[in-house]
N, C-alpha and C. Protein backbone atom coordinates (compact mmCIF):
# COMPACT_ATOMS: atom_id res chain seq x y z
N MET A 1 -46.20 18.03 90.65
CA MET A 1 -45.04 18.74 90.14
C MET A 1 -44.36 17.88 89.07
N PHE A 2 -44.02 18.50 87.96
CA PHE A 2 -43.37 17.81 86.84
C PHE A 2 -41.86 17.83 87.06
N ARG A 3 -41.26 16.65 87.04
CA ARG A 3 -39.82 16.56 87.25
C ARG A 3 -39.15 16.29 85.92
N ARG A 4 -38.19 17.07 85.59
CA ARG A 4 -37.48 16.95 84.33
C ARG A 4 -36.47 15.82 84.40
N SER A 5 -36.42 15.01 83.35
CA SER A 5 -35.50 13.88 83.32
C SER A 5 -34.10 14.34 82.94
N SER A 6 -33.10 13.72 83.56
CA SER A 6 -31.71 14.08 83.24
C SER A 6 -31.16 13.26 82.08
N THR A 7 -31.94 12.32 81.56
CA THR A 7 -31.48 11.44 80.49
C THR A 7 -30.99 12.19 79.26
N PRO A 8 -31.73 13.19 78.73
CA PRO A 8 -31.23 13.87 77.53
C PRO A 8 -29.86 14.50 77.73
N SER A 9 -29.60 15.08 78.90
CA SER A 9 -28.28 15.69 79.10
C SER A 9 -27.18 14.63 79.18
N ILE A 10 -27.51 13.46 79.68
CA ILE A 10 -26.51 12.37 79.73
C ILE A 10 -26.13 11.97 78.30
N TRP A 11 -27.13 11.84 77.41
CA TRP A 11 -26.84 11.46 76.03
C TRP A 11 -26.04 12.53 75.31
N ARG A 12 -26.38 13.80 75.58
CA ARG A 12 -25.59 14.89 74.97
C ARG A 12 -24.14 14.81 75.41
N GLU A 13 -23.93 14.51 76.69
CA GLU A 13 -22.57 14.41 77.21
C GLU A 13 -21.84 13.22 76.57
N MET A 14 -22.54 12.10 76.41
CA MET A 14 -21.93 10.93 75.77
C MET A 14 -21.54 11.25 74.33
N GLU A 15 -22.41 11.93 73.59
CA GLU A 15 -22.09 12.32 72.21
C GLU A 15 -20.89 13.25 72.16
N ARG A 16 -20.82 14.20 73.09
CA ARG A 16 -19.68 15.12 73.15
C ARG A 16 -18.38 14.35 73.41
N MET A 17 -18.43 13.39 74.35
CA MET A 17 -17.25 12.59 74.65
C MET A 17 -16.82 11.76 73.44
N GLN A 18 -17.79 11.20 72.70
CA GLN A 18 -17.47 10.42 71.51
C GLN A 18 -16.79 11.29 70.46
N ARG A 19 -17.32 12.51 70.24
CA ARG A 19 -16.69 13.43 69.29
C ARG A 19 -15.25 13.76 69.71
N GLU A 20 -15.04 13.98 70.98
CA GLU A 20 -13.69 14.29 71.48
C GLU A 20 -12.74 13.10 71.27
N MET A 21 -13.22 11.89 71.54
CA MET A 21 -12.37 10.71 71.35
C MET A 21 -12.04 10.52 69.87
N ASN A 22 -13.03 10.70 69.00
CA ASN A 22 -12.78 10.60 67.56
C ASN A 22 -11.74 11.62 67.10
N ARG A 23 -11.86 12.85 67.61
CA ARG A 23 -10.90 13.90 67.26
C ARG A 23 -9.51 13.53 67.74
N LEU A 24 -9.40 13.02 68.96
CA LEU A 24 -8.09 12.64 69.49
C LEU A 24 -7.44 11.55 68.64
N PHE A 25 -8.22 10.52 68.29
CA PHE A 25 -7.66 9.44 67.49
C PHE A 25 -7.27 9.92 66.10
N THR A 26 -8.05 10.80 65.51
CA THR A 26 -7.73 11.32 64.18
C THR A 26 -6.48 12.20 64.23
N ASP A 27 -6.42 13.09 65.20
CA ASP A 27 -5.29 14.02 65.30
C ASP A 27 -3.97 13.34 65.64
N TYR A 28 -4.01 12.25 66.40
CA TYR A 28 -2.77 11.64 66.88
C TYR A 28 -2.45 10.29 66.27
N THR A 29 -3.15 9.92 65.23
CA THR A 29 -2.82 8.68 64.53
C THR A 29 -1.60 8.94 63.66
N PRO A 30 -0.54 8.14 63.79
CA PRO A 30 0.65 8.37 62.95
C PRO A 30 0.29 8.30 61.47
N ALA A 31 0.95 9.10 60.67
CA ALA A 31 0.67 9.20 59.23
C ALA A 31 0.74 7.85 58.54
N ARG A 32 1.63 6.96 58.98
CA ARG A 32 1.77 5.67 58.30
C ARG A 32 0.53 4.79 58.46
N TYR A 33 -0.34 5.09 59.43
CA TYR A 33 -1.55 4.30 59.62
C TYR A 33 -2.78 4.93 58.98
N ARG A 34 -2.67 6.14 58.50
CA ARG A 34 -3.79 6.79 57.84
C ARG A 34 -3.86 6.32 56.41
N SER A 35 -5.07 6.24 55.87
CA SER A 35 -5.18 5.82 54.48
C SER A 35 -4.83 6.98 53.56
N ALA A 36 -4.05 6.68 52.55
CA ALA A 36 -3.63 7.70 51.59
C ALA A 36 -4.70 7.87 50.53
N PRO A 37 -4.85 9.09 50.02
CA PRO A 37 -5.81 9.26 48.91
C PRO A 37 -5.31 8.51 47.68
N SER A 38 -6.21 8.15 46.82
CA SER A 38 -5.83 7.43 45.61
C SER A 38 -4.99 8.34 44.71
N TYR A 39 -4.01 7.74 44.06
CA TYR A 39 -3.16 8.50 43.14
C TYR A 39 -3.30 7.89 41.77
N PRO A 40 -3.47 8.67 40.76
CA PRO A 40 -3.60 10.12 40.79
C PRO A 40 -5.03 10.55 41.12
N ALA A 41 -5.15 11.77 41.64
CA ALA A 41 -6.48 12.33 41.90
C ALA A 41 -7.18 12.52 40.55
N MET A 42 -8.46 12.12 40.48
CA MET A 42 -9.20 12.19 39.21
C MET A 42 -10.56 12.83 39.41
N ASN A 43 -11.01 13.52 38.39
CA ASN A 43 -12.40 13.98 38.28
C ASN A 43 -12.98 13.30 37.05
N LEU A 44 -14.23 12.86 37.14
CA LEU A 44 -14.89 12.20 36.03
C LEU A 44 -16.30 12.76 35.93
N TRP A 45 -16.70 13.16 34.75
CA TRP A 45 -18.08 13.57 34.53
C TRP A 45 -18.53 13.07 33.17
N ALA A 46 -19.84 12.98 33.00
CA ALA A 46 -20.38 12.41 31.76
C ALA A 46 -21.65 13.13 31.37
N ASP A 47 -21.92 13.10 30.06
CA ASP A 47 -23.22 13.52 29.54
C ASP A 47 -23.68 12.39 28.61
N GLU A 48 -24.67 12.62 27.80
CA GLU A 48 -25.18 11.54 26.93
C GLU A 48 -24.19 11.17 25.83
N GLU A 49 -23.25 12.05 25.52
CA GLU A 49 -22.33 11.82 24.40
C GLU A 49 -20.96 11.25 24.80
N SER A 50 -20.47 11.58 26.00
CA SER A 50 -19.10 11.18 26.34
C SER A 50 -18.83 11.23 27.83
N VAL A 51 -17.65 10.71 28.17
CA VAL A 51 -17.11 10.79 29.52
C VAL A 51 -15.84 11.62 29.42
N ILE A 52 -15.63 12.49 30.38
CA ILE A 52 -14.39 13.27 30.43
C ILE A 52 -13.73 12.98 31.77
N ILE A 53 -12.45 12.67 31.70
CA ILE A 53 -11.68 12.38 32.91
C ILE A 53 -10.48 13.32 32.94
N ARG A 54 -10.22 13.89 34.10
CA ARG A 54 -9.02 14.71 34.30
C ARG A 54 -8.27 14.11 35.48
N ALA A 55 -6.97 13.91 35.28
CA ALA A 55 -6.13 13.33 36.32
C ALA A 55 -4.91 14.23 36.55
N GLU A 56 -4.59 14.47 37.81
CA GLU A 56 -3.43 15.29 38.16
C GLU A 56 -2.19 14.41 38.20
N LEU A 57 -1.23 14.74 37.33
CA LEU A 57 0.00 13.97 37.22
C LEU A 57 1.21 14.90 37.11
N PRO A 58 1.46 15.72 38.12
CA PRO A 58 2.55 16.69 38.02
C PRO A 58 3.91 16.01 37.86
N GLY A 59 4.69 16.57 36.97
CA GLY A 59 6.05 16.07 36.76
C GLY A 59 6.16 14.85 35.87
N LEU A 60 5.07 14.29 35.41
CA LEU A 60 5.13 13.13 34.53
C LEU A 60 5.04 13.55 33.08
N LYS A 61 5.70 12.78 32.24
CA LYS A 61 5.64 13.00 30.80
C LYS A 61 4.69 11.95 30.21
N PRO A 62 4.12 12.24 29.05
CA PRO A 62 3.22 11.23 28.43
C PRO A 62 3.88 9.86 28.28
N ASP A 63 5.19 9.81 28.07
CA ASP A 63 5.87 8.51 27.92
C ASP A 63 5.91 7.72 29.23
N ASP A 64 5.66 8.40 30.37
CA ASP A 64 5.68 7.73 31.68
C ASP A 64 4.35 7.04 31.99
N LEU A 65 3.36 7.20 31.11
CA LEU A 65 2.00 6.71 31.38
C LEU A 65 1.56 5.61 30.45
N ASP A 66 0.68 4.76 30.95
CA ASP A 66 0.03 3.73 30.15
C ASP A 66 -1.46 3.81 30.45
N ILE A 67 -2.27 4.00 29.42
CA ILE A 67 -3.71 4.12 29.58
C ILE A 67 -4.35 2.96 28.82
N SER A 68 -5.23 2.22 29.49
CA SER A 68 -5.90 1.11 28.81
C SER A 68 -7.37 1.04 29.24
N ILE A 69 -8.18 0.47 28.35
CA ILE A 69 -9.60 0.27 28.62
C ILE A 69 -9.89 -1.20 28.36
N ASP A 70 -10.49 -1.86 29.35
CA ASP A 70 -10.80 -3.27 29.23
C ASP A 70 -12.13 -3.56 29.92
N GLU A 71 -13.11 -3.99 29.15
CA GLU A 71 -14.42 -4.39 29.65
C GLU A 71 -15.03 -3.35 30.59
N GLY A 72 -15.01 -2.09 30.19
CA GLY A 72 -15.65 -1.04 30.97
C GLY A 72 -14.81 -0.43 32.07
N ASP A 73 -13.57 -0.87 32.22
CA ASP A 73 -12.68 -0.31 33.23
C ASP A 73 -11.55 0.46 32.54
N LEU A 74 -11.31 1.67 33.02
CA LEU A 74 -10.18 2.46 32.54
C LEU A 74 -9.06 2.29 33.55
N THR A 75 -7.87 1.96 33.07
CA THR A 75 -6.72 1.81 33.96
C THR A 75 -5.63 2.78 33.54
N LEU A 76 -5.14 3.51 34.50
CA LEU A 76 -4.07 4.48 34.31
C LEU A 76 -2.90 4.02 35.17
N SER A 77 -1.76 3.74 34.54
CA SER A 77 -0.60 3.29 35.31
C SER A 77 0.64 3.98 34.79
N GLY A 78 1.66 3.97 35.61
CA GLY A 78 2.90 4.61 35.22
C GLY A 78 3.94 4.53 36.31
N ARG A 79 4.95 5.34 36.13
CA ARG A 79 6.05 5.36 37.10
C ARG A 79 6.49 6.79 37.31
N ARG A 80 6.64 7.15 38.54
CA ARG A 80 7.12 8.47 38.92
C ARG A 80 8.51 8.31 39.51
N SER A 81 9.50 8.97 38.90
CA SER A 81 10.89 8.84 39.33
C SER A 81 11.19 9.78 40.49
N PRO A 82 12.11 9.37 41.38
CA PRO A 82 12.47 10.26 42.48
C PRO A 82 13.25 11.47 41.97
N GLU A 83 13.14 12.56 42.71
CA GLU A 83 13.88 13.76 42.34
C GLU A 83 15.37 13.53 42.59
N GLU A 84 16.18 14.08 41.72
CA GLU A 84 17.62 14.00 41.94
C GLU A 84 18.01 15.11 42.89
N MET A 85 18.86 14.80 43.86
CA MET A 85 19.35 15.83 44.76
C MET A 85 20.86 15.71 44.87
N PRO A 86 21.50 16.81 45.24
CA PRO A 86 22.97 16.79 45.34
C PRO A 86 23.44 15.71 46.32
N LYS A 87 24.67 15.21 46.09
CA LYS A 87 25.20 14.12 46.92
C LYS A 87 25.27 14.47 48.40
N ASP A 88 25.60 15.70 48.72
CA ASP A 88 25.77 16.07 50.13
C ASP A 88 24.49 16.58 50.79
N ALA A 89 23.37 16.51 50.10
CA ALA A 89 22.10 17.01 50.65
C ALA A 89 21.42 15.94 51.51
N THR A 90 20.64 16.39 52.48
CA THR A 90 19.89 15.52 53.37
C THR A 90 18.43 15.96 53.37
N TYR A 91 17.53 15.00 53.23
CA TYR A 91 16.11 15.34 53.28
C TYR A 91 15.73 15.78 54.70
N HIS A 92 14.95 16.85 54.78
CA HIS A 92 14.35 17.26 56.04
C HIS A 92 12.86 16.93 56.02
N ARG A 93 12.32 16.84 54.85
CA ARG A 93 10.92 16.45 54.67
C ARG A 93 10.78 15.87 53.27
N GLN A 94 10.10 14.74 53.18
CA GLN A 94 9.87 14.12 51.87
C GLN A 94 8.41 13.69 51.82
N GLU A 95 7.58 14.47 51.13
CA GLU A 95 6.15 14.20 51.05
C GLU A 95 5.72 13.72 49.67
N ARG A 96 6.51 14.00 48.65
CA ARG A 96 6.14 13.59 47.30
C ARG A 96 6.58 12.14 47.08
N ASN A 97 5.60 11.29 46.79
CA ASN A 97 5.88 9.87 46.58
C ASN A 97 6.45 9.63 45.19
N TYR A 98 7.14 8.51 45.05
CA TYR A 98 7.63 8.10 43.75
C TYR A 98 7.51 6.59 43.65
N GLY A 99 7.65 6.08 42.44
CA GLY A 99 7.52 4.65 42.21
C GLY A 99 6.38 4.38 41.24
N SER A 100 6.03 3.12 41.12
CA SER A 100 4.96 2.71 40.19
C SER A 100 3.60 2.94 40.82
N PHE A 101 2.61 3.22 39.96
CA PHE A 101 1.24 3.39 40.42
C PHE A 101 0.29 2.82 39.38
N THR A 102 -0.89 2.43 39.84
CA THR A 102 -1.97 1.95 38.98
C THR A 102 -3.28 2.39 39.62
N ARG A 103 -4.16 2.91 38.80
CA ARG A 103 -5.48 3.30 39.28
C ARG A 103 -6.50 2.89 38.23
N SER A 104 -7.52 2.15 38.65
CA SER A 104 -8.59 1.71 37.75
C SER A 104 -9.91 2.27 38.23
N ILE A 105 -10.74 2.68 37.28
CA ILE A 105 -12.08 3.14 37.60
C ILE A 105 -13.06 2.54 36.60
N ARG A 106 -14.26 2.29 37.08
CA ARG A 106 -15.32 1.73 36.24
C ARG A 106 -15.97 2.88 35.49
N LEU A 107 -16.08 2.75 34.18
CA LEU A 107 -16.71 3.77 33.36
C LEU A 107 -18.23 3.62 33.45
N PRO A 108 -18.97 4.74 33.36
CA PRO A 108 -20.43 4.66 33.53
C PRO A 108 -21.18 4.02 32.37
N PHE A 109 -20.53 3.91 31.20
CA PHE A 109 -21.17 3.27 30.05
C PHE A 109 -20.10 2.85 29.06
N LYS A 110 -20.52 2.08 28.02
CA LYS A 110 -19.58 1.63 26.99
C LYS A 110 -19.10 2.82 26.19
N ILE A 111 -17.84 2.74 25.76
CA ILE A 111 -17.27 3.83 24.97
C ILE A 111 -16.66 3.29 23.68
N GLU A 112 -16.41 4.22 22.75
CA GLU A 112 -15.71 3.89 21.50
C GLU A 112 -14.22 3.99 21.78
N ALA A 113 -13.59 2.89 22.11
CA ALA A 113 -12.18 2.89 22.51
C ALA A 113 -11.26 3.43 21.42
N ASP A 114 -11.62 3.22 20.15
CA ASP A 114 -10.78 3.69 19.05
C ASP A 114 -10.80 5.21 18.88
N ASP A 115 -11.79 5.88 19.47
CA ASP A 115 -11.93 7.32 19.30
C ASP A 115 -11.54 8.13 20.53
N VAL A 116 -10.92 7.49 21.52
CA VAL A 116 -10.52 8.19 22.74
C VAL A 116 -9.41 9.18 22.42
N GLU A 117 -9.51 10.37 23.01
CA GLU A 117 -8.47 11.39 22.86
C GLU A 117 -7.84 11.66 24.21
N ALA A 118 -6.50 11.72 24.24
CA ALA A 118 -5.77 12.00 25.47
C ALA A 118 -4.83 13.18 25.24
N THR A 119 -4.91 14.19 26.11
CA THR A 119 -4.02 15.35 26.03
C THR A 119 -3.46 15.62 27.42
N MET A 120 -2.28 16.24 27.44
CA MET A 120 -1.65 16.57 28.71
C MET A 120 -1.19 18.01 28.67
N LYS A 121 -1.58 18.78 29.69
CA LYS A 121 -1.18 20.18 29.76
C LYS A 121 -0.98 20.56 31.23
N ASN A 122 0.17 21.13 31.53
CA ASN A 122 0.49 21.58 32.89
C ASN A 122 0.30 20.49 33.94
N GLY A 123 0.67 19.27 33.62
CA GLY A 123 0.58 18.17 34.57
C GLY A 123 -0.81 17.60 34.77
N VAL A 124 -1.76 18.00 33.91
CA VAL A 124 -3.12 17.48 34.00
C VAL A 124 -3.44 16.70 32.73
N LEU A 125 -3.76 15.43 32.89
CA LEU A 125 -4.14 14.57 31.78
C LEU A 125 -5.65 14.69 31.58
N THR A 126 -6.08 14.94 30.34
CA THR A 126 -7.50 14.99 30.02
C THR A 126 -7.82 13.90 29.03
N LEU A 127 -8.80 13.07 29.36
CA LEU A 127 -9.25 11.99 28.48
C LEU A 127 -10.68 12.28 28.04
N MET A 128 -10.91 12.26 26.73
CA MET A 128 -12.24 12.42 26.16
C MET A 128 -12.64 11.05 25.63
N LEU A 129 -13.65 10.44 26.23
CA LEU A 129 -14.08 9.08 25.87
C LEU A 129 -15.50 9.13 25.31
N PRO A 130 -15.64 9.04 23.97
CA PRO A 130 -16.98 9.11 23.38
C PRO A 130 -17.81 7.86 23.69
N ARG A 131 -19.08 8.08 23.92
CA ARG A 131 -19.99 6.98 24.22
C ARG A 131 -20.24 6.15 22.98
N ALA A 132 -20.27 4.83 23.16
CA ALA A 132 -20.55 3.92 22.04
C ALA A 132 -21.95 4.17 21.50
N GLU A 133 -22.06 4.18 20.19
CA GLU A 133 -23.34 4.48 19.53
C GLU A 133 -24.44 3.53 19.99
N GLU A 134 -24.10 2.24 20.12
CA GLU A 134 -25.12 1.26 20.51
C GLU A 134 -25.55 1.42 21.97
N ASP A 135 -24.79 2.18 22.74
CA ASP A 135 -25.11 2.37 24.16
C ASP A 135 -25.84 3.68 24.43
N LYS A 136 -25.94 4.54 23.42
CA LYS A 136 -26.62 5.83 23.61
C LYS A 136 -28.12 5.61 23.77
N PRO A 137 -28.77 6.45 24.58
CA PRO A 137 -30.22 6.31 24.73
C PRO A 137 -30.93 6.52 23.39
N LYS A 138 -31.93 5.74 23.15
CA LYS A 138 -32.69 5.83 21.90
C LYS A 138 -34.08 6.40 22.20
N LYS A 139 -34.51 7.30 21.35
CA LYS A 139 -35.85 7.86 21.48
C LYS A 139 -36.80 6.97 20.68
N ILE A 140 -37.90 6.64 21.28
CA ILE A 140 -38.89 5.78 20.64
C ILE A 140 -40.08 6.64 20.24
N THR A 141 -40.41 6.57 18.96
CA THR A 141 -41.57 7.33 18.48
C THR A 141 -42.84 6.51 18.62
N ILE A 142 -43.87 7.20 18.99
CA ILE A 142 -45.16 6.55 19.15
C ILE A 142 -45.98 6.80 17.88
N LYS A 143 -46.46 5.71 17.30
CA LYS A 143 -47.28 5.81 16.08
C LYS A 143 -48.75 5.92 16.48
N THR A 144 -49.47 6.72 15.75
CA THR A 144 -50.92 6.83 15.97
C THR A 144 -51.66 6.09 14.87
N GLN A 145 -52.82 5.64 15.15
CA GLN A 145 -53.60 4.90 14.17
C GLN A 145 -54.84 5.64 13.78
């Protein structure tokens, strides 16, 4: 007679318990101990000609920002001022952060820093960073004899 082992069901139960413990720790960890997402949120994509970056910066004006490129790193920094509220008002919830911020990202290739274009519309900063000519892929022709 073939006897079925109970080992697989024990492992399934252990995995279920681990998932439950992970869920409990995630759900009940105070917000101050959770890691915050990077600010500002950015999307970056590239093709052979350029890199395009979009960053969400609601409520900021172009004068509040500083954009720099140094040795392949793009740095976006600035300051977000707190909202003004009436003297007799009391916060019931405050989720929007304020203060200074800096975010640096490594660019995927060399760019022409003098030709970078920056525009801001509806709180979204768009950076167009053209690829440096010397860094573009080169096609090599094969000569026949």
